[in-house]
PDB file of all heavy atoms in Angstrom:
ATOM      1  N   ARG A   1      -5.654 -10.912  -8.317  1.00  0.00           N
ATOM      2  CA  ARG A   1      -4.615 -10.258  -7.472  1.00  0.00           C
ATOM      3  C   ARG A   1      -3.422 -11.135  -7.182  1.00  0.00           C
ATOM      4  O   ARG A   1      -2.342 -10.681  -7.205  1.00  0.00           O
ATOM      5  CB  ARG A   1      -5.268  -9.798  -6.151  1.00  0.00           C
ATOM      6  CG  ARG A   1      -6.112  -8.601  -6.338  1.00  0.00           C
ATOM      7  CD  ARG A   1      -6.309  -7.843  -5.053  1.00  0.00           C
ATOM      8  NE  ARG A   1      -7.454  -8.490  -4.407  1.00  0.00           N
ATOM      9  CZ  ARG A   1      -7.787  -8.234  -3.131  1.00  0.00           C
ATOM     10  NH1 ARG A   1      -6.969  -7.573  -2.343  1.00  0.00           N
ATOM     11  NH2 ARG A   1      -8.792  -8.782  -2.561  1.00  0.00           N
ATOM     12  N   ARG A   2      -3.706 -12.448  -7.076  1.00  0.00           N
ATOM     13  CA  ARG A   2      -2.566 -13.319  -6.872  1.00  0.00           C
ATOM     14  C   ARG A   2      -1.684 -13.404  -8.102  1.00  0.00           C
ATOM     15  O   ARG A   2      -0.467 -13.325  -7.989  1.00  0.00           O
ATOM     16  CB  ARG A   2      -3.099 -14.694  -6.476  1.00  0.00           C
ATOM     17  CG  ARG A   2      -3.352 -14.883  -5.045  1.00  0.00           C
ATOM     18  CD  ARG A   2      -3.690 -16.270  -4.671  1.00  0.00           C
ATOM     19  NE  ARG A   2      -4.979 -16.150  -4.065  1.00  0.00           N
ATOM     20  CZ  ARG A   2      -6.020 -16.936  -4.276  1.00  0.00           C
ATOM     21  NH1 ARG A   2      -5.865 -17.929  -5.061  1.00  0.00           N
ATOM     22  NH2 ARG A   2      -7.149 -16.765  -3.703  1.00  0.00           N
ATOM     23  N   SER A   3      -2.297 -13.469  -9.315  1.00  0.00           N
ATOM     24  CA  SER A   3      -1.487 -13.565 -10.529  1.00  0.00           C
ATOM     25  C   SER A   3      -0.762 -12.259 -10.763  1.00  0.00           C
ATOM     26  O   SER A   3       0.328 -12.201 -11.283  1.00  0.00           O
ATOM     27  CB  SER A   3      -2.306 -13.910 -11.750  1.00  0.00           C
ATOM     28  OG  SER A   3      -3.298 -12.904 -12.017  1.00  0.00           O
ATOM     29  N   ARG A   4      -1.306 -11.125 -10.329  1.00  0.00           N
ATOM     30  CA  ARG A   4      -0.660  -9.818 -10.513  1.00  0.00           C
ATOM     31  C   ARG A   4       0.693  -9.808  -9.687  1.00  0.00           C
ATOM     32  O   ARG A   4       1.668  -9.351 -10.227  1.00  0.00           O
ATOM     33  CB  ARG A   4      -1.504  -8.705  -9.873  1.00  0.00           C
ATOM     34  CG  ARG A   4      -0.822  -7.311  -9.881  1.00  0.00           C
ATOM     35  CD  ARG A   4      -1.660  -6.262  -9.203  1.00  0.00           C
ATOM     36  NE  ARG A   4      -2.103  -6.638  -7.845  1.00  0.00           N
ATOM     37  CZ  ARG A   4      -1.354  -6.408  -6.733  1.00  0.00           C
ATOM     38  NH1 ARG A   4      -0.192  -5.878  -6.870  1.00  0.00           N
ATOM     39  NH2 ARG A   4      -1.795  -6.806  -5.532  1.00  0.00           N
ATOM     40  N   GLU A   5       0.718 -10.376  -8.535  1.00  0.00           N
ATOM     41  CA  GLU A   5       1.955 -10.427  -7.815  1.00  0.00           C
ATOM     42  C   GLU A   5       2.982 -11.376  -8.542  1.00  0.00           C
ATOM     43  O   GLU A   5       4.119 -11.070  -8.536  1.00  0.00           O
ATOM     44  CB  GLU A   5       1.678 -11.041  -6.376  1.00  0.00           C
ATOM     45  CG  GLU A   5       0.877 -10.086  -5.511  1.00  0.00           C
ATOM     46  CD  GLU A   5       0.410 -10.645  -4.220  1.00  0.00           C
ATOM     47  OE1 GLU A   5       0.742 -11.815  -3.953  1.00  0.00           O
ATOM     48  OE2 GLU A   5      -0.362  -9.996  -3.539  1.00  0.00           O
ATOM     49  N   GLU A   6       2.495 -12.394  -9.158  1.00  0.00           N
ATOM     50  CA  GLU A   6       3.436 -13.293  -9.868  1.00  0.00           C
ATOM     51  C   GLU A   6       4.038 -12.632 -11.126  1.00  0.00           C
ATOM     52  O   GLU A   6       5.158 -12.915 -11.420  1.00  0.00           O
ATOM     53  CB  GLU A   6       2.679 -14.557 -10.277  1.00  0.00           C
ATOM     54  CG  GLU A   6       2.240 -15.379  -9.092  1.00  0.00           C
ATOM     55  CD  GLU A   6       1.266 -16.512  -9.549  1.00  0.00           C
ATOM     56  OE1 GLU A   6       1.060 -16.691 -10.680  1.00  0.00           O
ATOM     57  OE2 GLU A   6       0.758 -17.149  -8.609  1.00  0.00           O
ATOM     58  N   ILE A   7       3.236 -11.749 -11.807  1.00  0.00           N
ATOM     59  CA  ILE A   7       3.779 -11.198 -13.021  1.00  0.00           C
ATOM     60  C   ILE A   7       4.253  -9.768 -12.911  1.00  0.00           C
ATOM     61  O   ILE A   7       4.695  -9.158 -13.819  1.00  0.00           O
ATOM     62  CB  ILE A   7       2.779 -11.363 -14.142  1.00  0.00           C
ATOM     63  CG1 ILE A   7       1.479 -10.651 -13.897  1.00  0.00           C
ATOM     64  CG2 ILE A   7       2.555 -12.840 -14.548  1.00  0.00           C
ATOM     65  CD1 ILE A   7       0.489 -10.640 -14.996  1.00  0.00           C
ATOM     66  N   GLY A   8       3.978  -9.188 -11.717  1.00  0.00           N
ATOM     67  CA  GLY A   8       4.474  -7.830 -11.511  1.00  0.00           C
ATOM     68  C   GLY A   8       3.671  -6.714 -12.126  1.00  0.00           C
ATOM     69  O   GLY A   8       4.208  -5.660 -12.324  1.00  0.00           O
ATOM     70  N   GLU A   9       2.417  -6.933 -12.375  1.00  0.00           N
ATOM     71  CA  GLU A   9       1.562  -5.860 -13.005  1.00  0.00           C
ATOM     72  C   GLU A   9       1.123  -4.920 -11.906  1.00  0.00           C
ATOM     73  O   GLU A   9       1.209  -5.246 -10.680  1.00  0.00           O
ATOM     74  CB  GLU A   9       0.406  -6.528 -13.677  1.00  0.00           C
ATOM     75  CG  GLU A   9       0.807  -7.297 -14.914  1.00  0.00           C
ATOM     76  CD  GLU A   9       1.272  -6.404 -16.010  1.00  0.00           C
ATOM     77  OE1 GLU A   9       0.650  -5.269 -16.162  1.00  0.00           O
ATOM     78  OE2 GLU A   9       2.159  -6.796 -16.732  1.00  0.00           O
ATOM     79  N   GLY A  10       0.541  -3.837 -12.255  1.00  0.00           N
ATOM     80  CA  GLY A  10      -0.056  -2.924 -11.348  1.00  0.00           C
ATOM     81  C   GLY A  10      -1.282  -3.391 -10.682  1.00  0.00           C
ATOM     82  O   GLY A  10      -1.812  -4.445 -11.108  1.00  0.00           O
ATOM     83  N   ALA A  11      -1.711  -2.764  -9.647  1.00  0.00           N
ATOM     84  CA  ALA A  11      -2.907  -3.127  -8.903  1.00  0.00           C
ATOM     85  C   ALA A  11      -4.172  -3.134  -9.754  1.00  0.00           C
ATOM     86  O   ALA A  11      -4.399  -2.251 -10.561  1.00  0.00           O
ATOM     87  CB  ALA A  11      -3.120  -2.188  -7.715  1.00  0.00           C
ATOM     88  N   LEU A  12      -5.014  -4.135  -9.598  1.00  0.00           N
ATOM     89  CA  LEU A  12      -6.229  -4.200 -10.287  1.00  0.00           C
ATOM     90  C   LEU A  12      -7.288  -3.384  -9.554  1.00  0.00           C
ATOM     91  O   LEU A  12      -7.526  -3.546  -8.352  1.00  0.00           O
ATOM     92  CB  LEU A  12      -6.700  -5.684 -10.305  1.00  0.00           C
ATOM     93  CG  LEU A  12      -7.989  -6.000 -11.025  1.00  0.00           C
ATOM     94  CD1 LEU A  12      -7.885  -5.692 -12.525  1.00  0.00           C
ATOM     95  CD2 LEU A  12      -8.382  -7.525 -10.848  1.00  0.00           C
ATOM     96  N   ASP A  13      -7.900  -2.406 -10.256  1.00  0.00           N
ATOM     97  CA  ASP A  13      -8.872  -1.587  -9.586  1.00  0.00           C
ATOM     98  C   ASP A  13     -10.269  -1.606 -10.324  1.00  0.00           C
ATOM     99  O   ASP A  13     -11.236  -1.007  -9.851  1.00  0.00           O
ATOM    100  CB  ASP A  13      -8.428  -0.121  -9.474  1.00  0.00           C
ATOM    101  CG  ASP A  13      -8.431   0.606 -10.753  1.00  0.00           C
ATOM    102  OD1 ASP A  13      -8.482   0.020 -11.808  1.00  0.00           O
ATOM    103  OD2 ASP A  13      -8.380   1.826 -10.668  1.00  0.00           O
ATOM    104  N   GLY A  14     -10.316  -2.425 -11.372  1.00  0.00           N
ATOM    105  CA  GLY A  14     -11.673  -2.524 -12.105  1.00  0.00           C
ATOM    106  C   GLY A  14     -11.489  -3.466 -13.283  1.00  0.00           C
ATOM    107  O   GLY A  14     -10.369  -3.692 -13.819  1.00  0.00           O
ATOM    108  N   LEU A  15     -12.615  -4.008 -13.705  1.00  0.00           N
ATOM    109  CA  LEU A  15     -12.645  -4.816 -14.915  1.00  0.00           C
ATOM    110  C   LEU A  15     -14.012  -4.802 -15.498  1.00  0.00           C
ATOM    111  O   LEU A  15     -15.040  -4.519 -14.771  1.00  0.00           O
ATOM    112  CB  LEU A  15     -12.151  -6.240 -14.625  1.00  0.00           C
ATOM    113  CG  LEU A  15     -12.980  -7.083 -13.686  1.00  0.00           C
ATOM    114  CD1 LEU A  15     -13.935  -7.990 -14.340  1.00  0.00           C
ATOM    115  CD2 LEU A  15     -11.936  -7.977 -12.895  1.00  0.00           C
ATOM    116  N   VAL A  16     -14.090  -5.054 -16.767  1.00  0.00           N
ATOM    117  CA  VAL A  16     -15.410  -5.079 -17.479  1.00  0.00           C
ATOM    118  C   VAL A  16     -15.432  -6.398 -18.336  1.00  0.00           C
ATOM    119  O   VAL A  16     -14.496  -6.656 -19.027  1.00  0.00           O
ATOM    120  CB  VAL A  16     -15.600  -3.865 -18.423  1.00  0.00           C
ATOM    121  CG1 VAL A  16     -16.850  -3.971 -19.234  1.00  0.00           C
ATOM    122  CG2 VAL A  16     -15.611  -2.587 -17.618  1.00  0.00           C
ATOM    123  N   LEU A  17     -16.540  -7.081 -18.146  1.00  0.00           N
ATOM    124  CA  LEU A  17     -16.698  -8.361 -18.903  1.00  0.00           C
ATOM    125  C   LEU A  17     -17.977  -8.250 -19.745  1.00  0.00           C
ATOM    126  O   LEU A  17     -19.042  -7.964 -19.196  1.00  0.00           O
ATOM    127  CB  LEU A  17     -16.809  -9.586 -17.864  1.00  0.00           C
ATOM    128  CG  LEU A  17     -15.691  -9.754 -16.946  1.00  0.00           C
ATOM    129  CD1 LEU A  17     -16.040 -10.667 -15.844  1.00  0.00           C
ATOM    130  CD2 LEU A  17     -14.411 -10.197 -17.612  1.00  0.00           C
ATOM    131  N   SER A  18     -17.797  -8.511 -21.050  1.00  0.00           N
ATOM    132  CA  SER A  18     -18.948  -8.409 -21.929  1.00  0.00           C
ATOM    133  C   SER A  18     -19.307  -9.733 -22.544  1.00  0.00           C
ATOM    134  O   SER A  18     -18.437 -10.517 -22.831  1.00  0.00           O
ATOM    135  CB  SER A  18     -18.636  -7.446 -23.058  1.00  0.00           C
ATOM    136  OG  SER A  18     -18.509  -6.141 -22.573  1.00  0.00           O
ATOM    137  N   GLY A  19     -20.584 -10.046 -22.699  1.00  0.00           N
ATOM    138  CA  GLY A  19     -21.090 -11.215 -23.342  1.00  0.00           C
ATOM    139  C   GLY A  19     -22.351 -10.953 -24.065  1.00  0.00           C
ATOM    140  O   GLY A  19     -22.818  -9.835 -24.084  1.00  0.00           O
ATOM    141  N   VAL A  20     -22.907 -12.017 -24.633  1.00  0.00           N
ATOM    142  CA  VAL A  20     -24.144 -11.825 -25.421  1.00  0.00           C
ATOM    143  C   VAL A  20     -25.341 -11.449 -24.517  1.00  0.00           C
ATOM    144  O   VAL A  20     -26.268 -10.771 -25.009  1.00  0.00           O
ATOM    145  CB  VAL A  20     -24.505 -13.043 -26.199  1.00  0.00           C
ATOM    146  CG1 VAL A  20     -23.399 -13.256 -27.294  1.00  0.00           C
ATOM    147  CG2 VAL A  20     -24.689 -14.321 -25.336  1.00  0.00           C
ATOM    148  N   ALA A  21     -25.339 -11.845 -23.270  1.00  0.00           N
ATOM    149  CA  ALA A  21     -26.481 -11.513 -22.420  1.00  0.00           C
ATOM    150  C   ALA A  21     -26.291 -10.110 -21.680  1.00  0.00           C
ATOM    151  O   ALA A  21     -27.213  -9.717 -20.983  1.00  0.00           O
ATOM    152  CB  ALA A  21     -26.620 -12.563 -21.369  1.00  0.00           C
ATOM    153  N   GLY A  22     -25.153  -9.488 -21.868  1.00  0.00           N
ATOM    154  CA  GLY A  22     -24.943  -8.153 -21.164  1.00  0.00           C
ATOM    155  C   GLY A  22     -23.493  -8.007 -20.812  1.00  0.00           C
ATOM    156  O   GLY A  22     -22.659  -8.771 -21.207  1.00  0.00           O
ATOM    157  N   THR A  23     -23.288  -6.972 -20.000  1.00  0.00           N
ATOM    158  CA  THR A  23     -21.959  -6.655 -19.544  1.00  0.00           C
ATOM    159  C   THR A  23     -21.999  -6.481 -18.016  1.00  0.00           C
ATOM    160  O   THR A  23     -22.885  -6.019 -17.414  1.00  0.00           O
ATOM    161  CB  THR A  23     -21.573  -5.266 -20.159  1.00  0.00           C
ATOM    162  OG1 THR A  23     -21.550  -5.398 -21.529  1.00  0.00           O
ATOM    163  CG2 THR A  23     -20.198  -4.820 -19.743  1.00  0.00           C
ATOM    164  N   ALA A  24     -20.949  -6.944 -17.377  1.00  0.00           N
ATOM    165  CA  ALA A  24     -20.779  -6.859 -15.997  1.00  0.00           C
ATOM    166  C   ALA A  24     -19.412  -6.019 -15.722  1.00  0.00           C
ATOM    167  O   ALA A  24     -18.422  -6.281 -16.402  1.00  0.00           O
ATOM    168  CB  ALA A  24     -20.616  -8.133 -15.278  1.00  0.00           C
ATOM    169  N   ALA A  25     -19.491  -5.159 -14.797  1.00  0.00           N
ATOM    170  CA  ALA A  25     -18.305  -4.324 -14.410  1.00  0.00           C
ATOM    171  C   ALA A  25     -18.090  -4.433 -12.919  1.00  0.00           C
ATOM    172  O   ALA A  25     -19.040  -4.494 -12.203  1.00  0.00           O
ATOM    173  CB  ALA A  25     -18.492  -2.919 -14.812  1.00  0.00           C
ATOM    174  N   VAL A  26     -16.780  -4.443 -12.522  1.00  0.00           N
ATOM    175  CA  VAL A  26     -16.465  -4.437 -11.165  1.00  0.00           C
ATOM    176  C   VAL A  26     -15.497  -3.235 -11.000  1.00  0.00           C
ATOM    177  O   VAL A  26     -14.527  -3.145 -11.749  1.00  0.00           O
ATOM    178  CB  VAL A  26     -15.709  -5.755 -10.674  1.00  0.00           C
ATOM    179  CG1 VAL A  26     -15.346  -5.710  -9.203  1.00  0.00           C
ATOM    180  CG2 VAL A  26     -16.498  -6.951 -11.029  1.00  0.00           C
ATOM    181  N   LYS A  27     -15.755  -2.434  -9.936  1.00  0.00           N
ATOM    182  CA  LYS A  27     -14.882  -1.230  -9.705  1.00  0.00           C
ATOM    183  C   LYS A  27     -14.568  -1.239  -8.197  1.00  0.00           C
ATOM    184  O   LYS A  27     -15.456  -1.306  -7.368  1.00  0.00           O
ATOM    185  CB  LYS A  27     -15.575  -0.027 -10.184  1.00  0.00           C
ATOM    186  CG  LYS A  27     -14.734   1.290  -9.929  1.00  0.00           C
ATOM    187  CD  LYS A  27     -13.499   1.258 -10.755  1.00  0.00           C
ATOM    188  CE  LYS A  27     -12.735   2.550 -10.426  1.00  0.00           C
ATOM    189  NZ  LYS A  27     -11.391   2.427 -10.869  1.00  0.00           N
ATOM    190  N   LEU A  28     -13.305  -1.134  -7.877  1.00  0.00           N
ATOM    191  CA  LEU A  28     -12.864  -1.035  -6.489  1.00  0.00           C
ATOM    192  C   LEU A  28     -13.429   0.273  -5.884  1.00  0.00           C
ATOM    193  O   LEU A  28     -13.287   1.308  -6.512  1.00  0.00           O
ATOM    194  CB  LEU A  28     -11.344  -0.939  -6.493  1.00  0.00           C
ATOM    195  CG  LEU A  28     -10.682  -0.994  -5.117  1.00  0.00           C
ATOM    196  CD1 LEU A  28     -10.778  -2.360  -4.470  1.00  0.00           C
ATOM    197  CD2 LEU A  28      -9.210  -0.567  -5.271  1.00  0.00           C
ATOM    198  N   ILE A  29     -14.003   0.163  -4.710  1.00  0.00           N
ATOM    199  CA  ILE A  29     -14.437   1.343  -3.950  1.00  0.00           C
ATOM    200  C   ILE A  29     -13.399   1.667  -2.927  1.00  0.00           C
ATOM    201  O   ILE A  29     -12.951   2.812  -2.838  1.00  0.00           O
ATOM    202  CB  ILE A  29     -15.807   1.123  -3.295  1.00  0.00           C
ATOM    203  CG1 ILE A  29     -16.907   0.848  -4.366  1.00  0.00           C
ATOM    204  CG2 ILE A  29     -16.232   2.386  -2.479  1.00  0.00           C
ATOM    205  CD1 ILE A  29     -18.263   0.458  -3.810  1.00  0.00           C
ATOM    206  N   THR A  30     -13.141   0.711  -2.072  1.00  0.00           N
ATOM    207  CA  THR A  30     -12.052   0.764  -1.063  1.00  0.00           C
ATOM    208  C   THR A  30     -11.334  -0.557  -1.120  1.00  0.00           C
ATOM    209  O   THR A  30     -11.789  -1.511  -1.853  1.00  0.00           O
ATOM    210  CB  THR A  30     -12.628   0.953   0.343  1.00  0.00           C
ATOM    211  OG1 THR A  30     -13.251  -0.226   0.699  1.00  0.00           O
ATOM    212  CG2 THR A  30     -13.599   2.112   0.441  1.00  0.00           C
ATOM    213  N   PRO A  31     -10.268  -0.725  -0.440  1.00  0.00           N
ATOM    214  CA  PRO A  31      -9.551  -2.069  -0.450  1.00  0.00           C
ATOM    215  C   PRO A  31     -10.478  -3.200   0.033  1.00  0.00           C
ATOM    216  O   PRO A  31     -10.202  -4.367  -0.298  1.00  0.00           O
ATOM    217  CB  PRO A  31      -8.466  -1.868   0.517  1.00  0.00           C
ATOM    218  CG  PRO A  31      -8.105  -0.394   0.433  1.00  0.00           C
ATOM    219  CD  PRO A  31      -9.453   0.265   0.301  1.00  0.00           C
ATOM    220  N   ALA A  32     -11.562  -2.913   0.679  1.00  0.00           N
ATOM    221  CA  ALA A  32     -12.426  -3.959   1.230  1.00  0.00           C
ATOM    222  C   ALA A  32     -13.779  -4.114   0.447  1.00  0.00           C
ATOM    223  O   ALA A  32     -14.433  -5.109   0.649  1.00  0.00           O
ATOM    224  CB  ALA A  32     -12.716  -3.752   2.649  1.00  0.00           C
ATOM    225  N   TYR A  33     -14.100  -3.167  -0.412  1.00  0.00           N
ATOM    226  CA  TYR A  33     -15.414  -3.181  -1.120  1.00  0.00           C
ATOM    227  C   TYR A  33     -15.351  -2.907  -2.552  1.00  0.00           C
ATOM    228  O   TYR A  33     -14.425  -2.201  -2.987  1.00  0.00           O
ATOM    229  CB  TYR A  33     -16.321  -2.136  -0.442  1.00  0.00           C
ATOM    230  CG  TYR A  33     -16.717  -2.405   0.987  1.00  0.00           C
ATOM    231  CD1 TYR A  33     -15.968  -1.785   2.028  1.00  0.00           C
ATOM    232  CD2 TYR A  33     -17.724  -3.323   1.380  1.00  0.00           C
ATOM    233  CE1 TYR A  33     -16.300  -1.985   3.329  1.00  0.00           C
ATOM    234  CE2 TYR A  33     -17.986  -3.600   2.686  1.00  0.00           C
ATOM    235  CZ  TYR A  33     -17.237  -2.898   3.643  1.00  0.00           C
ATOM    236  OH  TYR A  33     -17.580  -3.181   4.947  1.00  0.00           O
ATOM    237  N   ALA A  34     -16.217  -3.502  -3.285  1.00  0.00           N
ATOM    238  CA  ALA A  34     -16.292  -3.249  -4.767  1.00  0.00           C
ATOM    239  C   ALA A  34     -17.737  -2.987  -5.182  1.00  0.00           C
ATOM    240  O   ALA A  34     -18.729  -3.443  -4.541  1.00  0.00           O
ATOM    241  CB  ALA A  34     -15.753  -4.492  -5.488  1.00  0.00           C
ATOM    242  N   LEU A  35     -17.838  -2.257  -6.302  1.00  0.00           N
ATOM    243  CA  LEU A  35     -19.073  -1.971  -6.849  1.00  0.00           C
ATOM    244  C   LEU A  35     -19.293  -2.942  -8.067  1.00  0.00           C
ATOM    245  O   LEU A  35     -18.376  -3.153  -8.833  1.00  0.00           O
ATOM    246  CB  LEU A  35     -19.108  -0.493  -7.439  1.00  0.00           C
ATOM    247  CG  LEU A  35     -20.314  -0.140  -8.245  1.00  0.00           C
ATOM    248  CD1 LEU A  35     -21.468   0.103  -7.377  1.00  0.00           C
ATOM    249  CD2 LEU A  35     -20.031   1.166  -9.035  1.00  0.00           C
ATOM    250  N   LEU A  36     -20.435  -3.589  -8.173  1.00  0.00           N
ATOM    251  CA  LEU A  36     -20.818  -4.389  -9.267  1.00  0.00           C
ATOM    252  C   LEU A  36     -21.928  -3.752 -10.098  1.00  0.00           C
ATOM    253  O   LEU A  36     -22.846  -3.296  -9.529  1.00  0.00           O
ATOM    254  CB  LEU A  36     -21.286  -5.770  -8.795  1.00  0.00           C
ATOM    255  CG  LEU A  36     -20.421  -6.639  -7.841  1.00  0.00           C
ATOM    256  CD1 LEU A  36     -21.110  -7.835  -7.359  1.00  0.00           C
ATOM    257  CD2 LEU A  36     -19.096  -6.946  -8.547  1.00  0.00           C
ATOM    258  N   LEU A  37     -21.751  -3.763 -11.398  1.00  0.00           N
ATOM    259  CA  LEU A  37     -22.730  -3.167 -12.298  1.00  0.00           C
ATOM    260  C   LEU A  37     -23.017  -4.154 -13.421  1.00  0.00           C
ATOM    261  O   LEU A  37     -22.109  -4.672 -14.013  1.00  0.00           O
ATOM    262  CB  LEU A  37     -22.167  -1.905 -12.842  1.00  0.00           C
ATOM    263  CG  LEU A  37     -23.039  -1.058 -13.767  1.00  0.00           C
ATOM    264  CD1 LEU A  37     -24.365  -0.616 -13.045  1.00  0.00           C
ATOM    265  CD2 LEU A  37     -22.290   0.147 -14.324  1.00  0.00           C
ATOM    266  N   LYS A  38     -24.277  -4.513 -13.529  1.00  0.00           N
ATOM    267  CA  LYS A  38     -24.736  -5.445 -14.567  1.00  0.00           C
ATOM    268  C   LYS A  38     -25.676  -4.695 -15.514  1.00  0.00           C
ATOM    269  O   LYS A  38     -26.679  -4.162 -14.977  1.00  0.00           O
ATOM    270  CB  LYS A  38     -25.376  -6.630 -13.968  1.00  0.00           C
ATOM    271  CG  LYS A  38     -25.879  -7.676 -14.910  1.00  0.00           C
ATOM    272  CD  LYS A  38     -26.544  -8.816 -14.164  1.00  0.00           C
ATOM    273  CE  LYS A  38     -27.248  -9.714 -15.114  1.00  0.00           C
ATOM    274  NZ  LYS A  38     -28.694  -9.783 -14.986  1.00  0.00           N
ATOM    275  N   VAL A  39     -25.433  -4.660 -16.809  1.00  0.00           N
ATOM    276  CA  VAL A  39     -26.231  -3.934 -17.761  1.00  0.00           C
ATOM    277  C   VAL A  39     -26.618  -4.768 -18.933  1.00  0.00           C
ATOM    278  O   VAL A  39     -25.912  -5.706 -19.235  1.00  0.00           O
ATOM    279  CB  VAL A  39     -25.611  -2.591 -18.168  1.00  0.00           C
ATOM    280  CG1 VAL A  39     -25.404  -1.648 -17.028  1.00  0.00           C
ATOM    281  CG2 VAL A  39     -24.315  -2.867 -18.923  1.00  0.00           C
ATOM    282  N   ALA A  40     -27.641  -4.397 -19.580  1.00  0.00           N
ATOM    283  CA  ALA A  40     -28.131  -5.080 -20.830  1.00  0.00           C
ATOM    284  C   ALA A  40     -27.101  -4.887 -21.904  1.00  0.00           C
ATOM    285  O   ALA A  40     -26.282  -3.982 -21.927  1.00  0.00           O
ATOM    286  CB  ALA A  40     -29.485  -4.553 -21.227  1.00  0.00           C
ATOM    287  N   PRO A  41     -27.146  -5.763 -22.945  1.00  0.00           N
ATOM    288  CA  PRO A  41     -26.167  -5.676 -24.023  1.00  0.00           C
ATOM    289  C   PRO A  41     -26.354  -4.330 -24.792  1.00  0.00           C
ATOM    290  O   PRO A  41     -27.451  -3.723 -24.745  1.00  0.00           O
ATOM    291  CB  PRO A  41     -26.476  -6.849 -24.933  1.00  0.00           C
ATOM    292  CG  PRO A  41     -27.625  -7.584 -24.336  1.00  0.00           C
ATOM    293  CD  PRO A  41     -28.006  -6.920 -23.096  1.00  0.00           C
ATOM    294  N   GLY A  42     -25.277  -3.898 -25.490  1.00  0.00           N
ATOM    295  CA  GLY A  42     -25.415  -2.767 -26.398  1.00  0.00           C
ATOM    296  C   GLY A  42     -24.811  -1.491 -25.832  1.00  0.00           C
ATOM    297  O   GLY A  42     -24.737  -0.519 -26.535  1.00  0.00           O
ATOM    298  N   ILE A  43     -24.518  -1.415 -24.551  1.00  0.00           N
ATOM    299  CA  ILE A  43     -23.998  -0.186 -23.997  1.00  0.00           C
ATOM    300  C   ILE A  43     -22.462  -0.301 -24.077  1.00  0.00           C
ATOM    301  O   ILE A  43     -21.799  -1.309 -23.710  1.00  0.00           O
ATOM    302  CB  ILE A  43     -24.341  -0.017 -22.528  1.00  0.00           C
ATOM    303  CG1 ILE A  43     -25.878   0.106 -22.435  1.00  0.00           C
ATOM    304  CG2 ILE A  43     -23.728   1.243 -21.873  1.00  0.00           C
ATOM    305  CD1 ILE A  43     -26.486   0.055 -21.039  1.00  0.00           C
ATOM    306  N   PRO A  44     -21.772   0.736 -24.602  1.00  0.00           N
ATOM    307  CA  PRO A  44     -20.328   0.602 -24.788  1.00  0.00           C
ATOM    308  C   PRO A  44     -19.550   0.443 -23.410  1.00  0.00           C
ATOM    309  O   PRO A  44     -19.893   1.047 -22.441  1.00  0.00           O
ATOM    310  CB  PRO A  44     -19.926   2.015 -25.437  1.00  0.00           C
ATOM    311  CG  PRO A  44     -21.255   2.582 -26.004  1.00  0.00           C
ATOM    312  CD  PRO A  44     -22.333   1.954 -25.146  1.00  0.00           C
ATOM    313  N   ALA A  45     -18.581  -0.397 -23.528  1.00  0.00           N
ATOM    314  CA  ALA A  45     -17.732  -0.676 -22.297  1.00  0.00           C
ATOM    315  C   ALA A  45     -17.097   0.527 -21.673  1.00  0.00           C
ATOM    316  O   ALA A  45     -17.053   0.668 -20.447  1.00  0.00           O
ATOM    317  CB  ALA A  45     -16.677  -1.683 -22.649  1.00  0.00           C
ATOM    318  N   GLY A  46     -16.743   1.495 -22.542  1.00  0.00           N
ATOM    319  CA  GLY A  46     -16.140   2.748 -22.043  1.00  0.00           C
ATOM    320  C   GLY A  46     -17.149   3.515 -21.184  1.00  0.00           C
ATOM    321  O   GLY A  46     -16.750   4.122 -20.120  1.00  0.00           O
TER     322      GLY A  46
END
């Protein structure tokens, strides 16, 4: 969020990180809370 202000990008509301051990996703619920999802490898990021 700090770097977003520096480069003028839109608000971050989610991200997906994939690795060999699985995938983690973060999704904004409200400005104060986020949902974390951790799944086994092989499920498409979309």
